[in-house]
Amino acid sequence: MKKKLIVHNGNISIGGQEKMLIEFLKLLDPQKYEVLLLIEENNGKRNDYINEIPKWVEYKFLTTEKFMSWIEKNKKSKNPLRKVLYSFLLKIKKKISAKEFEKYLNFSDIIIDYDMGLMRNLHKINLRNKKLIGWSHAGDGSLPKNKNKRKNVERYDYIVTINEVMKNGYEKNTIHPQILKIYNFMDFDLILEKSKEPVEENLGEYIISVGSLTENKNQALLIKSFSRLKKEKNILEKLVIIGEGKEREKLQMLIKNLNIENEVFLLGQKLNPYKYIANSKLFVLTSKNEGMPLTLLESLSLDKMIIAIKNNGTFEILQNKFGKILEENEEKLADLIYFYLKNDEERIRIESLNKERIGDFGREKIKKEVEEFIDRI
C-alpha cells in the first residue's frame, strides 16, 4: 500500500528553494508514495515550474490567481492607501490559506511543510494529530522573533535542516522537534545535458553570478569589484548576472554611475541558467546569507571555479577547498577574481576537485536518506 504525503509550499515561481521542491518531488518514488502538493499562491504566468511538477503528483492552489494579482497590484503601488490595503490583503491571504489547507487534511497523516510557511498559521490549524515535518532551507536555527511563530516551531515533530550550523541551532533552541540533516541535491545528469544548449547572446568571455536580485544576494558588491577590475586592471571579460528581483533598478543605476553599461549584462530570469554557467570563466556568489546555495552545486557539477562570500551555506559546500571563500570586501574580492582569471593552472587545479565534492550531493545518495526518513515515520 502506498504511503500518502501532503507537501506544502508557498509558490512555484523561479527560485532556489522552489527549484529544490521540484527536485524533491521528482526524487519520490510513485510506486511507494501518493502525493498531494498544496501551493499557497497561484501566481498565474509566474507559476514558472508548473510544468515540471511530476505528472503523478496531484496539486492544488490555496488561493486564486485573481486574488494574488490583486495583492501584487497593491504591493507595487506607491499610493499610501493601497499600501495599507496590501497589508490587509496579506492578512486575508493567511486566513484563506489556513482554511483551504484544512480541507485537505484527510488525505494523509504526514505533512511535509517544505518551506516552513505553515509556521505562521499552525496555531490556527487543527492538525488532528498529524505528523508534521518542517524542511528548513535558510537561517542558522535561530527562532523567529514573532511570538506565535516561536511557539509554532515546537508544533513540528521533525525539522529537516540542510547544513550543520542550522542543525546545531535548532537542536539548541527547540525542545519537541527531532532534528536531522539531509543535504539538498541536484540531478547532475540533467544539468549537464541542459548545459550543452547554445547561448543565444553574444557575450564573449565573462564572469557569471546567478541569483535573485535582492539585497541579500548582494550583487552590488560584485558589480563594484568588477568595475574596479575594469578600471585598474583593464580586464577584457564581461560580467553576466542571471536573476530578477526588486533590486534591479538600483543595480542598473549603479552600473550606469560606474560607467560600465556595456560591460555588465543583467539577463533576468532564465529557466536554463546552466548553459550560461558552463560557458563562463568563473562563478561568483556574493550572498550575505545562504542555507545551501543550489547555484554552487550546479557550478561544481559543471566544473567551474567558484569564488564566494563566506556564510553558513557556502562554507558547508566549498570548505575553502572546492572553491575560494572570503569575507565581504570589495577590494579583496576584486583581487581574488583577478588572480583566478590570470592563473589558469591554479584555477584548473581547483576545478579538478569538483567531482570529489559533488558526490556528497548526488541524487541516489540523498534519495536513500529521504526515503529511509519518510518510511520510518
Protein backbone atom coordinates (compact mmCIF):
# COMPACT_ATOMS: atom_id res chain seq x y z
CA MET A 1 0.00 0.00 0.00
CA LYS A 2 1.35 3.43 -0.97
CA LYS A 3 2.21 5.95 1.71
CA LYS A 4 0.30 9.20 1.31
CA LEU A 5 2.02 12.56 1.79
CA ILE A 6 0.80 16.15 1.87
CA VAL A 7 3.52 18.55 0.72
CA HIS A 8 3.02 22.29 1.33
CA ASN A 9 4.89 25.16 -0.32
CA GLY A 10 4.36 28.89 -0.77
CA ASN A 11 4.71 29.16 -4.56
CA ILE A 12 6.31 27.62 -7.64
CA SER A 13 7.90 30.71 -9.17
CA ILE A 14 11.57 30.73 -10.13
CA GLY A 15 13.79 30.48 -7.05
CA GLY A 16 16.33 28.19 -5.46
CA GLN A 17 14.01 26.73 -2.85
CA GLU A 18 11.21 26.29 -5.40
CA LYS A 19 13.61 24.53 -7.76
CA MET A 20 14.56 22.26 -4.88
CA LEU A 21 10.87 21.47 -4.30
CA ILE A 22 10.58 20.19 -7.86
CA GLU A 23 13.72 18.08 -7.43
CA PHE A 24 12.30 16.70 -4.17
CA LEU A 25 9.04 15.68 -5.86
CA LYS A 26 10.94 14.03 -8.72
CA LEU A 27 13.02 12.15 -6.16
CA LEU A 28 9.99 10.44 -4.62
CA ASP A 29 9.05 7.02 -5.99
CA PRO A 30 5.47 6.96 -7.43
CA GLN A 31 5.38 3.23 -6.71
CA LYS A 32 5.84 3.92 -2.99
CA TYR A 33 4.12 7.27 -2.42
CA GLU A 34 0.96 9.17 -3.29
CA VAL A 35 1.50 12.93 -3.04
CA LEU A 36 -0.83 15.91 -2.78
CA LEU A 37 1.04 19.19 -3.31
CA LEU A 38 -0.67 22.23 -1.76
CA ILE A 39 0.64 25.52 -3.18
CA GLU A 40 -0.32 28.64 -1.27
CA GLU A 41 -0.03 31.22 -4.08
CA ASN A 42 -1.47 30.94 -7.57
CA ASN A 43 0.70 33.47 -9.39
CA GLY A 44 -0.61 32.76 -12.88
CA LYS A 45 2.08 33.29 -15.50
CA ARG A 46 4.70 33.38 -12.74
CA ASN A 47 4.00 29.74 -11.82
CA ASP A 48 7.26 29.04 -13.64
CA TYR A 49 7.73 25.43 -12.53
CA ILE A 50 4.12 24.30 -13.03
CA ASN A 51 5.02 22.09 -15.98
CA GLU A 52 7.89 20.47 -14.09
CA ILE A 53 5.70 19.02 -11.35
CA PRO A 54 5.73 15.24 -11.93
CA LYS A 55 2.55 14.11 -13.71
CA TRP A 56 1.73 11.63 -10.97
CA VAL A 57 1.68 14.35 -8.29
CA GLU A 58 -1.72 15.93 -7.70
CA TYR A 59 -1.57 19.64 -6.86
CA LYS A 60 -3.99 22.30 -5.63
CA PHE A 61 -3.66 26.06 -5.15
CA LEU A 62 -4.89 27.50 -1.84
CA THR A 63 -5.55 30.98 -3.29
CA THR A 64 -6.91 32.10 -6.65
CA GLU A 65 -4.94 33.78 -9.42
CA LYS A 66 -7.32 36.76 -9.27
CA PHE A 67 -6.74 37.27 -5.55
CA MET A 68 -2.96 37.03 -5.91
CA SER A 69 -2.94 39.51 -8.83
CA TRP A 70 -4.89 41.92 -6.60
CA ILE A 71 -2.22 41.59 -3.91
CA GLU A 72 0.57 42.11 -6.45
CA LYS A 73 -1.12 45.22 -7.88
CA ASN A 74 -1.35 46.87 -4.46
CA LYS A 75 2.16 45.76 -3.50
CA LYS A 76 3.65 47.73 -6.40
CA SER A 77 1.52 50.83 -5.83
CA LYS A 78 3.09 53.95 -4.31
CA ASN A 79 -0.31 55.13 -3.08
CA PRO A 80 -0.28 55.10 0.79
CA LEU A 81 -3.86 53.83 0.91
CA ARG A 82 -3.00 50.95 -1.36
CA LYS A 83 -0.04 50.14 0.88
CA VAL A 84 -2.50 49.79 3.78
CA LEU A 85 -4.77 47.65 1.60
CA TYR A 86 -1.81 45.47 0.67
CA SER A 87 -1.08 44.75 4.37
CA PHE A 88 -4.76 43.95 4.93
CA LEU A 89 -4.83 41.57 1.95
CA LEU A 90 -1.80 39.69 3.27
CA LYS A 91 -3.70 39.02 6.49
CA ILE A 92 -6.70 37.82 4.49
CA LYS A 93 -4.41 35.56 2.45
CA LYS A 94 -3.19 33.88 5.64
CA LYS A 95 -6.78 33.17 6.74
CA ILE A 96 -7.83 31.87 3.33
CA SER A 97 -4.76 29.65 3.05
CA ALA A 98 -5.24 28.16 6.52
CA LYS A 99 -8.93 27.47 5.89
CA GLU A 100 -8.27 25.87 2.48
CA PHE A 101 -5.38 23.83 3.85
CA GLU A 102 -7.62 22.22 6.48
CA LYS A 103 -9.94 20.94 3.75
CA TYR A 104 -7.26 18.52 2.55
CA LEU A 105 -6.07 17.14 5.89
CA ASN A 106 -7.94 13.86 5.47
CA PHE A 107 -5.64 12.94 2.58
CA SER A 108 -2.71 11.96 4.77
CA ASP A 109 -1.35 11.67 8.31
CA ILE A 110 2.04 13.03 7.18
CA ILE A 111 2.51 16.69 6.26
CA ILE A 112 5.78 17.98 4.80
CA ASP A 113 5.94 21.76 5.15
CA TYR A 114 8.65 22.19 2.55
CA ASP A 115 9.25 25.92 3.04
CA MET A 116 8.06 26.03 6.67
CA GLY A 117 5.45 28.53 5.50
CA LEU A 118 2.82 26.92 7.72
CA MET A 119 4.71 28.19 10.77
CA ARG A 120 2.75 31.45 10.84
CA ASN A 121 -0.62 29.65 10.85
CA LEU A 122 -0.10 26.45 12.85
CA HIS A 123 -1.79 27.83 15.97
CA LYS A 124 -4.93 28.37 13.85
CA ILE A 125 -4.97 24.92 12.20
CA ASN A 126 -6.31 21.75 13.80
CA LEU A 127 -3.76 19.21 12.61
CA ARG A 128 -5.66 16.31 14.20
CA ASN A 129 -2.54 14.55 15.46
CA LYS A 130 -0.86 14.54 12.04
CA LYS A 131 2.89 14.07 11.83
CA LEU A 132 4.35 17.43 10.80
CA ILE A 133 7.75 17.80 9.12
CA GLY A 134 9.36 21.20 8.57
CA TRP A 135 12.04 21.45 5.86
CA SER A 136 14.28 24.39 6.73
CA HIS A 137 16.19 25.98 3.82
CA ALA A 138 17.52 29.16 5.42
CA GLY A 139 18.92 30.62 8.62
CA ASP A 140 21.07 29.19 11.38
CA GLY A 141 18.44 27.50 13.51
CA SER A 142 17.59 30.63 15.48
CA LEU A 143 13.92 31.01 16.38
CA PRO A 144 11.71 33.73 14.85
CA LYS A 145 11.10 36.93 16.82
CA ASN A 146 7.33 36.67 16.29
CA LYS A 147 5.75 35.11 19.40
CA ASN A 148 3.30 32.85 17.53
CA LYS A 149 5.97 31.61 15.16
CA ARG A 150 8.32 30.82 18.06
CA LYS A 151 5.61 28.70 19.70
CA ASN A 152 4.68 27.09 16.40
CA VAL A 153 8.22 25.80 15.85
CA GLU A 154 7.54 23.40 18.73
CA ARG A 155 4.49 22.01 16.86
CA TYR A 156 6.74 20.33 14.30
CA ASP A 157 7.54 16.69 15.02
CA TYR A 158 10.64 16.81 12.81
CA ILE A 159 12.72 19.59 11.32
CA VAL A 160 14.98 18.69 8.40
CA THR A 161 17.96 21.02 8.01
CA ILE A 162 20.36 21.38 5.09
CA ASN A 163 23.62 22.29 6.82
CA GLU A 164 25.40 21.58 10.09
CA VAL A 165 25.11 25.11 11.53
CA MET A 166 21.34 25.05 11.03
CA LYS A 167 21.07 21.60 12.62
CA ASN A 168 23.07 22.66 15.68
CA GLY A 169 20.98 25.83 16.01
CA TYR A 170 17.63 24.02 16.07
CA GLU A 171 18.98 21.40 18.48
CA LYS A 172 19.99 24.18 20.82
CA ASN A 173 16.83 26.28 20.50
CA THR A 174 14.00 23.71 20.38
CA ILE A 175 12.62 21.00 22.66
CA HIS A 176 9.99 18.92 20.83
CA PRO A 177 11.09 18.51 17.20
CA GLN A 178 13.58 15.83 16.23
CA ILE A 179 16.31 17.49 14.18
CA LEU A 180 18.17 15.89 11.30
CA LYS A 181 20.31 16.98 8.36
CA ILE A 182 19.68 15.99 4.75
CA TYR A 183 21.63 17.81 2.07
CA ASN A 184 19.97 19.44 -0.90
CA PHE A 185 20.74 17.61 -4.11
CA MET A 186 20.54 18.07 -7.86
CA ASP A 187 20.01 15.92 -10.93
CA PHE A 188 23.52 16.47 -12.24
CA ASP A 189 22.97 14.45 -15.42
CA LEU A 190 20.09 16.74 -16.36
CA ILE A 191 22.17 19.84 -15.56
CA LEU A 192 24.97 18.58 -17.79
CA GLU A 193 22.51 17.85 -20.61
CA LYS A 194 20.92 21.30 -20.41
CA SER A 195 24.32 23.00 -20.18
CA LYS A 196 25.07 21.85 -23.73
CA GLU A 197 22.32 24.02 -25.22
CA PRO A 198 23.67 27.04 -27.13
CA VAL A 199 23.81 30.54 -25.60
CA GLU A 200 21.93 32.87 -27.93
CA GLU A 201 23.52 36.10 -26.72
CA ASN A 202 26.94 37.21 -27.94
CA LEU A 203 28.62 37.66 -24.55
CA GLY A 204 32.27 36.95 -25.28
CA GLU A 205 34.31 35.77 -22.28
CA TYR A 206 32.60 36.50 -18.97
CA ILE A 207 32.33 36.04 -15.21
CA ILE A 208 28.90 34.92 -14.00
CA SER A 209 26.65 35.10 -10.97
CA VAL A 210 23.18 33.57 -10.66
CA GLY A 211 20.59 34.57 -8.07
CA SER A 212 17.55 36.73 -7.43
CA LEU A 213 18.28 40.46 -7.47
CA THR A 214 17.84 41.10 -3.75
CA GLU A 215 19.74 42.86 -1.01
CA ASN A 216 20.79 39.51 0.46
CA LYS A 217 22.29 38.28 -2.81
CA ASN A 218 24.43 41.42 -2.70
CA GLN A 219 25.19 41.76 -6.42
CA ALA A 220 26.17 45.39 -5.81
CA LEU A 221 29.38 44.15 -4.19
CA LEU A 222 30.23 42.09 -7.26
CA ILE A 223 29.47 44.98 -9.63
CA LYS A 224 31.71 47.34 -7.66
CA SER A 225 34.55 44.81 -7.58
CA PHE A 226 34.13 44.17 -11.30
CA SER A 227 34.22 47.92 -12.01
CA ARG A 228 37.46 48.16 -10.03
CA LEU A 229 38.96 45.39 -12.20
CA LYS A 230 37.88 47.12 -15.39
CA LYS A 231 39.41 50.43 -14.41
CA GLU A 232 42.53 49.29 -12.52
CA LYS A 233 43.41 46.03 -14.29
CA ASN A 234 41.71 46.61 -17.65
CA ILE A 235 40.35 43.05 -17.80
CA LEU A 236 38.62 42.05 -21.03
CA GLU A 237 35.95 39.79 -19.51
CA LYS A 238 32.33 40.91 -19.14
CA LEU A 239 30.06 40.33 -16.13
CA VAL A 240 26.83 38.35 -16.57
CA ILE A 241 24.18 38.29 -13.84
CA ILE A 242 21.17 35.97 -14.17
CA GLY A 243 18.16 36.60 -11.96
CA GLU A 244 15.32 39.02 -11.32
CA GLY A 245 14.16 40.96 -8.29
CA LYS A 246 13.33 44.24 -6.60
CA GLU A 247 16.96 45.45 -6.63
CA ARG A 248 17.10 45.62 -10.45
CA GLU A 249 16.61 49.40 -10.70
CA LYS A 250 19.24 50.08 -8.03
CA LEU A 251 21.71 47.77 -9.74
CA GLN A 252 21.04 49.35 -13.14
CA MET A 253 21.66 52.79 -11.63
CA LEU A 254 24.89 51.56 -10.02
CA ILE A 255 26.07 50.17 -13.36
CA LYS A 256 25.25 53.46 -15.05
CA ASN A 257 27.02 55.54 -12.38
CA LEU A 258 30.12 53.35 -12.69
CA ASN A 259 30.03 53.82 -16.47
CA ILE A 260 30.16 50.08 -17.21
CA GLU A 261 26.84 49.73 -19.03
CA ASN A 262 28.50 47.94 -21.96
CA GLU A 263 30.35 45.54 -19.66
CA VAL A 264 27.61 44.19 -17.37
CA PHE A 265 24.61 42.19 -18.58
CA LEU A 266 21.55 41.74 -16.35
CA LEU A 267 19.88 38.93 -18.27
CA GLY A 268 16.87 38.41 -15.98
CA GLN A 269 15.43 35.03 -15.03
CA LYS A 270 16.40 32.00 -17.07
CA LEU A 271 14.84 28.54 -16.81
CA ASN A 272 18.15 27.17 -18.07
CA PRO A 273 21.00 29.05 -16.37
CA TYR A 274 23.28 26.02 -16.77
CA LYS A 275 24.36 26.83 -20.34
CA TYR A 276 25.47 30.28 -19.17
CA ILE A 277 27.41 28.84 -16.23
CA ALA A 278 29.05 26.23 -18.47
CA ASN A 279 30.37 28.91 -20.83
CA SER A 280 31.71 31.22 -18.11
CA LYS A 281 35.27 31.53 -16.82
CA LEU A 282 34.38 31.99 -13.14
CA PHE A 283 31.29 31.71 -10.95
CA VAL A 284 30.97 34.30 -8.16
CA LEU A 285 28.40 34.27 -5.34
CA THR A 286 28.22 37.33 -3.07
CA SER A 287 25.22 36.41 -0.87
CA LYS A 288 25.28 37.60 2.71
CA ASN A 289 23.39 34.52 3.91
CA GLU A 290 22.70 31.12 2.33
CA GLY A 291 21.39 27.82 3.65
CA MET A 292 22.54 25.52 0.85
CA PRO A 293 23.06 27.53 -2.36
CA LEU A 294 22.00 25.38 -5.30
CA THR A 295 23.93 27.56 -7.74
CA LEU A 296 27.16 26.35 -6.12
CA LEU A 297 26.15 22.72 -6.61
CA GLU A 298 25.26 23.47 -10.22
CA SER A 299 28.60 25.21 -10.78
CA LEU A 300 30.55 22.39 -9.15
CA SER A 301 28.81 19.87 -11.40
CA LEU A 302 29.83 21.94 -14.44
CA ASP A 303 33.49 22.05 -13.30
CA LYS A 304 33.56 25.78 -12.63
CA MET A 305 35.96 27.64 -10.38
CA ILE A 306 33.89 29.30 -7.62
CA ILE A 307 34.55 32.38 -5.52
CA ALA A 308 32.03 33.05 -2.74
CA ILE A 309 31.45 35.31 0.24
CA LYS A 310 31.61 33.33 3.48
CA ASN A 311 28.35 32.26 5.10
CA ASN A 312 26.95 29.02 6.52
CA GLY A 313 25.91 27.58 3.16
CA THR A 314 28.96 28.50 1.10
CA PHE A 315 31.35 27.23 3.78
CA GLU A 316 29.43 23.96 4.15
CA ILE A 317 29.77 23.24 0.41
CA LEU A 318 33.16 24.70 -0.50
CA GLN A 319 35.12 24.33 2.76
CA ASN A 320 37.67 26.71 1.19
CA LYS A 321 38.96 23.69 -0.74
CA PHE A 322 36.47 23.22 -3.57
CA GLY A 323 36.45 26.92 -4.35
CA LYS A 324 37.59 30.08 -2.56
CA ILE A 325 35.76 31.76 0.31
CA LEU A 326 36.39 35.25 1.63
CA GLU A 327 34.85 37.78 3.97
CA GLU A 328 32.76 40.55 2.40
CA ASN A 329 35.30 43.01 1.00
CA GLU A 330 35.18 44.80 -2.36
CA GLU A 331 38.94 45.09 -2.89
CA LYS A 332 39.77 41.53 -1.80
CA LEU A 333 37.01 40.14 -3.99
CA ALA A 334 38.42 42.02 -6.98
CA ASP A 335 41.92 40.70 -6.22
CA LEU A 336 40.71 37.11 -5.96
CA ILE A 337 38.74 37.29 -9.21
CA TYR A 338 41.77 38.76 -10.97
CA PHE A 339 44.08 36.07 -9.60
CA TYR A 340 41.96 33.21 -10.94
CA LEU A 341 41.34 34.91 -14.27
CA LYS A 342 45.09 35.17 -14.81
CA ASN A 343 46.25 31.92 -13.22
CA ASP A 344 44.82 29.19 -15.41
CA GLU A 345 46.88 26.43 -13.80
CA GLU A 346 45.65 27.11 -10.28
CA ARG A 347 42.05 27.61 -11.47
CA ILE A 348 42.13 24.26 -13.30
CA ARG A 349 43.64 22.55 -10.25
CA ILE A 350 40.72 23.61 -8.05
CA GLU A 351 38.19 22.76 -10.76
CA SER A 352 39.65 19.24 -10.90
CA LEU A 353 38.50 18.69 -7.28
CA ASN A 354 34.83 19.39 -8.07
CA LYS A 355 33.81 15.79 -8.75
CA GLU A 356 35.21 14.77 -5.37
CA ARG A 357 32.79 17.09 -3.59
CA ILE A 358 29.74 16.79 -5.81
CA GLY A 359 29.34 13.11 -4.95
CA ASP A 360 28.07 14.10 -1.49
CA PHE A 361 25.06 15.77 -3.12
CA GLY A 362 24.23 13.04 -5.63
CA ARG A 363 20.61 12.18 -6.31
CA GLU A 364 20.71 8.48 -5.41
CA LYS A 365 22.55 9.07 -2.14
CA ILE A 366 20.03 11.68 -0.96
CA LYS A 367 17.07 9.67 -2.31
CA LYS A 368 18.01 6.82 0.01
CA GLU A 369 18.27 9.18 3.01
CA VAL A 370 14.91 10.83 2.25
CA GLU A 371 13.06 7.54 1.77
CA GLU A 372 14.54 5.99 4.93
CA PHE A 373 13.42 9.06 6.88
CA ILE A 374 9.86 9.14 5.49
CA ASP A 375 9.41 5.37 5.75
CA ARG A 376 10.19 5.27 9.46
CA ILE A 377 7.59 7.95 10.36
